[in-house]
Amino acid sequence: MNLAKAVLGKRPEQIAPIFGETQLDIDPPIEGSDRRYIEFPAMGLTIALKNDIAFCLQLFSADFDQEEFAQYEGPLPGNVKFSSSRKEVLEAMGKPVNAGKIFDRYRIDGYNVHFEYTGHDTISLVSIFNDA
C-alpha cells in the first residue's frame, strides 16, 4: 500500500521522482476519455490518470494477459502473493465489500483494493484506486 499512497492523487511530475525519473512517458488519452496511462512494463505496473491526477495503480501477475508486462515483485495488500488462491485472499483480507465471479473488492486505508483472479483461482491483477 506504500506505493499506492505515494502515487495516488499525484500529478505525473510528482510521480516521476518516485521511479527515479525526471519525466514520464504518458500514453495519449483514449478517444472520448480523459484517462491516460503511465506504464512500467518491466516493473509490472501501470498508473491510470484522470485529468492528469493518478487515481489507480494496477499490479500485474505473470498470468495476466499482458505479455509485455513482467510480474510486479513488490508487496501486495494483505501480504498475499500472486500465487495465493481466492480462499487465501479471503482468509487474509476478510469479507470483501463487493465480489463477482472473478474478483473481490475491499476497502483498505481509504482505498478500494480490487483482486482479480485467473482461471486457476490465483491472483492475476491487483488494482488499488481512490474515489477520483
C-alpha atoms as a PDB file:
ATOM      1  CA  MET A   1       0.000   0.000   0.000  1.00  0.00           C
ATOM      2  CA  ASN A   2       3.011   2.274   0.386  1.00  0.00           C
ATOM      3  CA  LEU A   3       3.396   2.662  -3.374  1.00  0.00           C
ATOM      4  CA  ALA A   4      -0.314   3.433  -3.751  1.00  0.00           C
ATOM      5  CA  LYS A   5      -0.074   6.069  -1.025  1.00  0.00           C
ATOM      6  CA  ALA A   6       2.961   7.579  -2.762  1.00  0.00           C
ATOM      7  CA  VAL A   7       1.394   7.897  -6.225  1.00  0.00           C
ATOM      8  CA  LEU A   8      -2.399   8.130  -5.957  1.00  0.00           C
ATOM      9  CA  GLY A   9      -3.729  11.668  -6.008  1.00  0.00           C
ATOM     10  CA  LYS A  10      -0.466  12.966  -7.505  1.00  0.00           C
ATOM     11  CA  ARG A  11       0.376  14.575 -10.834  1.00  0.00           C
ATOM     12  CA  PRO A  12       2.930  12.965 -13.208  1.00  0.00           C
ATOM     13  CA  GLU A  13       5.667  15.436 -12.276  1.00  0.00           C
ATOM     14  CA  GLN A  14       5.228  14.408  -8.617  1.00  0.00           C
ATOM     15  CA  ILE A  15       5.280  10.707  -9.509  1.00  0.00           C
ATOM     16  CA  ALA A  16       8.392  10.767 -11.728  1.00  0.00           C
ATOM     17  CA  PRO A  17      10.962  11.118  -8.882  1.00  0.00           C
ATOM     18  CA  ILE A  18       9.431   8.110  -7.076  1.00  0.00           C
ATOM     19  CA  PHE A  19      10.612   5.986 -10.012  1.00  0.00           C
ATOM     20  CA  GLY A  20      13.928   7.798 -10.421  1.00  0.00           C
ATOM     21  CA  GLU A  21      12.729   9.670 -13.496  1.00  0.00           C
ATOM     22  CA  THR A  22      12.678  13.350 -14.358  1.00  0.00           C
ATOM     23  CA  GLN A  23       9.865  12.921 -16.889  1.00  0.00           C
ATOM     24  CA  LEU A  24       7.402  10.112 -17.610  1.00  0.00           C
ATOM     25  CA  ASP A  25       6.104   8.780 -20.907  1.00  0.00           C
ATOM     26  CA  ILE A  26       2.329   9.072 -20.731  1.00  0.00           C
ATOM     27  CA  ASP A  27       0.069   7.326 -23.208  1.00  0.00           C
ATOM     28  CA  PRO A  28      -2.255   9.639 -25.160  1.00  0.00           C
ATOM     29  CA  PRO A  29      -5.855   9.766 -23.911  1.00  0.00           C
ATOM     30  CA  ILE A  30      -8.215   7.051 -25.025  1.00  0.00           C
ATOM     31  CA  GLU A  31     -10.619   8.545 -27.554  1.00  0.00           C
ATOM     32  CA  GLY A  32     -13.577  10.150 -25.827  1.00  0.00           C
ATOM     33  CA  SER A  33     -11.959   9.795 -22.401  1.00  0.00           C
ATOM     34  CA  ASP A  34      -9.968  11.943 -20.009  1.00  0.00           C
ATOM     35  CA  ARG A  35      -7.936   8.920 -18.879  1.00  0.00           C
ATOM     36  CA  ARG A  36      -4.289   8.321 -19.689  1.00  0.00           C
ATOM     37  CA  TYR A  37      -1.798   5.732 -18.514  1.00  0.00           C
ATOM     38  CA  ILE A  38       1.793   5.641 -17.347  1.00  0.00           C
ATOM     39  CA  GLU A  39       3.145   2.154 -17.993  1.00  0.00           C
ATOM     40  CA  PHE A  40       6.111   0.460 -16.356  1.00  0.00           C
ATOM     41  CA  PRO A  41       6.137  -2.932 -18.161  1.00  0.00           C
ATOM     42  CA  ALA A  42       9.465  -4.069 -16.684  1.00  0.00           C
ATOM     43  CA  MET A  43       8.121  -3.369 -13.182  1.00  0.00           C
ATOM     44  CA  GLY A  44       4.724  -4.985 -13.833  1.00  0.00           C
ATOM     45  CA  LEU A  45       2.621  -1.924 -13.103  1.00  0.00           C
ATOM     46  CA  THR A  46       0.502   0.800 -14.639  1.00  0.00           C
ATOM     47  CA  ILE A  47      -0.731   4.080 -13.189  1.00  0.00           C
ATOM     48  CA  ALA A  48      -4.039   5.416 -14.526  1.00  0.00           C
ATOM     49  CA  LEU A  49      -4.572   9.172 -14.660  1.00  0.00           C
ATOM     50  CA  LYS A  50      -7.835  11.079 -14.815  1.00  0.00           C
ATOM     51  CA  ASN A  51      -7.456  14.771 -15.606  1.00  0.00           C
ATOM     52  CA  ASP A  52      -3.713  14.191 -15.079  1.00  0.00           C
ATOM     53  CA  ILE A  53      -4.165  13.010 -11.475  1.00  0.00           C
ATOM     54  CA  ALA A  54      -3.244   9.409 -10.584  1.00  0.00           C
ATOM     55  CA  PHE A  55      -6.343   7.537  -9.435  1.00  0.00           C
ATOM     56  CA  CYS A  56      -5.460   3.866  -9.979  1.00  0.00           C
ATOM     57  CA  LEU A  57      -2.399   1.677  -9.546  1.00  0.00           C
ATOM     58  CA  GLN A  58      -2.506  -1.696 -11.319  1.00  0.00           C
ATOM     59  CA  LEU A  59      -0.129  -4.500 -10.324  1.00  0.00           C
ATOM     60  CA  PHE A  60       0.200  -7.387 -12.796  1.00  0.00           C
ATOM     61  CA  SER A  61       0.973 -11.053 -12.231  1.00  0.00           C
ATOM     62  CA  ALA A  62       2.833 -13.179 -14.766  1.00  0.00           C
ATOM     63  CA  ASP A  63      -0.545 -14.808 -15.548  1.00  0.00           C
ATOM     64  CA  PHE A  64      -2.248 -11.557 -16.548  1.00  0.00           C
ATOM     65  CA  ASP A  65      -2.987 -11.246 -20.251  1.00  0.00           C
ATOM     66  CA  GLN A  66      -0.370  -8.532 -20.879  1.00  0.00           C
ATOM     67  CA  GLU A  67       2.611 -10.263 -22.462  1.00  0.00           C
ATOM     68  CA  GLU A  68       4.802  -7.168 -22.408  1.00  0.00           C
ATOM     69  CA  PHE A  69       4.452  -6.790 -18.631  1.00  0.00           C
ATOM     70  CA  ALA A  70       6.682  -8.525 -16.119  1.00  0.00           C
ATOM     71  CA  GLN A  71       5.210  -9.659 -12.830  1.00  0.00           C
ATOM     72  CA  TYR A  72       5.142  -6.991 -10.136  1.00  0.00           C
ATOM     73  CA  GLU A  73       7.620  -8.046  -7.449  1.00  0.00           C
ATOM     74  CA  GLY A  74       6.674  -5.687  -4.621  1.00  0.00           C
ATOM     75  CA  PRO A  75       4.391  -6.423  -1.677  1.00  0.00           C
ATOM     76  CA  LEU A  76       0.666  -6.891  -2.227  1.00  0.00           C
ATOM     77  CA  PRO A  77      -2.064  -5.737   0.170  1.00  0.00           C
ATOM     78  CA  GLY A  78      -2.690  -8.188   2.991  1.00  0.00           C
ATOM     79  CA  ASN A  79       0.733  -9.772   2.424  1.00  0.00           C
ATOM     80  CA  VAL A  80      -0.803 -12.172  -0.083  1.00  0.00           C
ATOM     81  CA  LYS A  81       1.126 -13.329  -3.153  1.00  0.00           C
ATOM     82  CA  PHE A  82       0.071 -13.671  -6.775  1.00  0.00           C
ATOM     83  CA  SER A  83       0.152 -17.428  -6.195  1.00  0.00           C
ATOM     84  CA  SER A  84      -2.413 -17.066  -3.388  1.00  0.00           C
ATOM     85  CA  SER A  85      -5.778 -18.665  -4.015  1.00  0.00           C
ATOM     86  CA  ARG A  86      -9.021 -16.745  -3.678  1.00  0.00           C
ATOM     87  CA  LYS A  87      -9.645 -18.640  -0.445  1.00  0.00           C
ATOM     88  CA  GLU A  88      -6.264 -17.490   0.905  1.00  0.00           C
ATOM     89  CA  VAL A  89      -7.082 -13.881  -0.033  1.00  0.00           C
ATOM     90  CA  LEU A  90     -10.407 -14.149   1.804  1.00  0.00           C
ATOM     91  CA  GLU A  91      -8.631 -15.573   4.861  1.00  0.00           C
ATOM     92  CA  ALA A  92      -6.065 -12.744   4.828  1.00  0.00           C
ATOM     93  CA  MET A  93      -8.407  -9.874   3.907  1.00  0.00           C
ATOM     94  CA  GLY A  94     -11.764 -10.884   5.386  1.00  0.00           C
ATOM     95  CA  LYS A  95     -15.135 -10.361   3.756  1.00  0.00           C
ATOM     96  CA  PRO A  96     -14.996  -8.185   0.608  1.00  0.00           C
ATOM     97  CA  VAL A  97     -17.268  -5.167   0.202  1.00  0.00           C
ATOM     98  CA  ASN A  98     -18.072  -6.365  -3.314  1.00  0.00           C
ATOM     99  CA  ALA A  99     -17.461  -9.626  -5.130  1.00  0.00           C
ATOM    100  CA  GLY A 100     -18.096 -11.100  -8.547  1.00  0.00           C
ATOM    101  CA  LYS A 101     -17.306 -14.247 -10.453  1.00  0.00           C
ATOM    102  CA  ILE A 102     -13.614 -13.372 -10.889  1.00  0.00           C
ATOM    103  CA  PHE A 103     -12.980 -10.522  -8.427  1.00  0.00           C
ATOM    104  CA  ASP A 104     -13.157  -9.379  -4.821  1.00  0.00           C
ATOM    105  CA  ARG A 105     -13.050  -5.739  -3.748  1.00  0.00           C
ATOM    106  CA  TYR A 106     -12.021  -4.443  -0.341  1.00  0.00           C
ATOM    107  CA  ARG A 107     -11.836  -1.037   1.294  1.00  0.00           C
ATOM    108  CA  ILE A 108      -8.437  -0.548   2.985  1.00  0.00           C
ATOM    109  CA  ASP A 109      -6.919   2.646   4.386  1.00  0.00           C
ATOM    110  CA  GLY A 110      -9.300   4.803   2.329  1.00  0.00           C
ATOM    111  CA  TYR A 111      -8.595   2.961  -0.939  1.00  0.00           C
ATOM    112  CA  ASN A 112     -10.528   0.434  -2.979  1.00  0.00           C
ATOM    113  CA  VAL A 113      -8.431  -2.708  -3.457  1.00  0.00           C
ATOM    114  CA  HIS A 114      -9.597  -4.989  -6.257  1.00  0.00           C
ATOM    115  CA  PHE A 115      -8.252  -8.538  -6.632  1.00  0.00           C
ATOM    116  CA  GLU A 116      -8.900 -10.194  -9.988  1.00  0.00           C
ATOM    117  CA  TYR A 117      -8.416 -13.952 -10.317  1.00  0.00           C
ATOM    118  CA  THR A 118      -7.230 -16.224 -13.114  1.00  0.00           C
ATOM    119  CA  GLY A 119      -8.996 -19.339 -14.317  1.00  0.00           C
ATOM    120  CA  HIS A 120      -6.611 -21.196 -11.979  1.00  0.00           C
ATOM    121  CA  ASP A 121      -8.053 -19.305  -8.970  1.00  0.00           C
ATOM    122  CA  THR A 122      -4.870 -17.323  -8.286  1.00  0.00           C
ATOM    123  CA  ILE A 123      -4.434 -13.547  -8.390  1.00  0.00           C
ATOM    124  CA  SER A 124      -3.866 -12.107 -11.868  1.00  0.00           C
ATOM    125  CA  LEU A 125      -4.239  -8.389 -11.139  1.00  0.00           C
ATOM    126  CA  VAL A 126      -4.435  -6.100  -8.133  1.00  0.00           C
ATOM    127  CA  SER A 127      -5.882  -2.623  -8.674  1.00  0.00           C
ATOM    128  CA  ILE A 128      -5.698  -0.014  -5.944  1.00  0.00           C
ATOM    129  CA  PHE A 129      -7.695   3.124  -6.537  1.00  0.00           C
ATOM    130  CA  ASN A 130      -9.137   6.123  -4.832  1.00  0.00           C
ATOM    131  CA  ASP A 131     -12.576   7.543  -5.481  1.00  0.00           C
ATOM    132  CA  ALA A 132     -11.476  10.056  -8.134  1.00  0.00           C
END
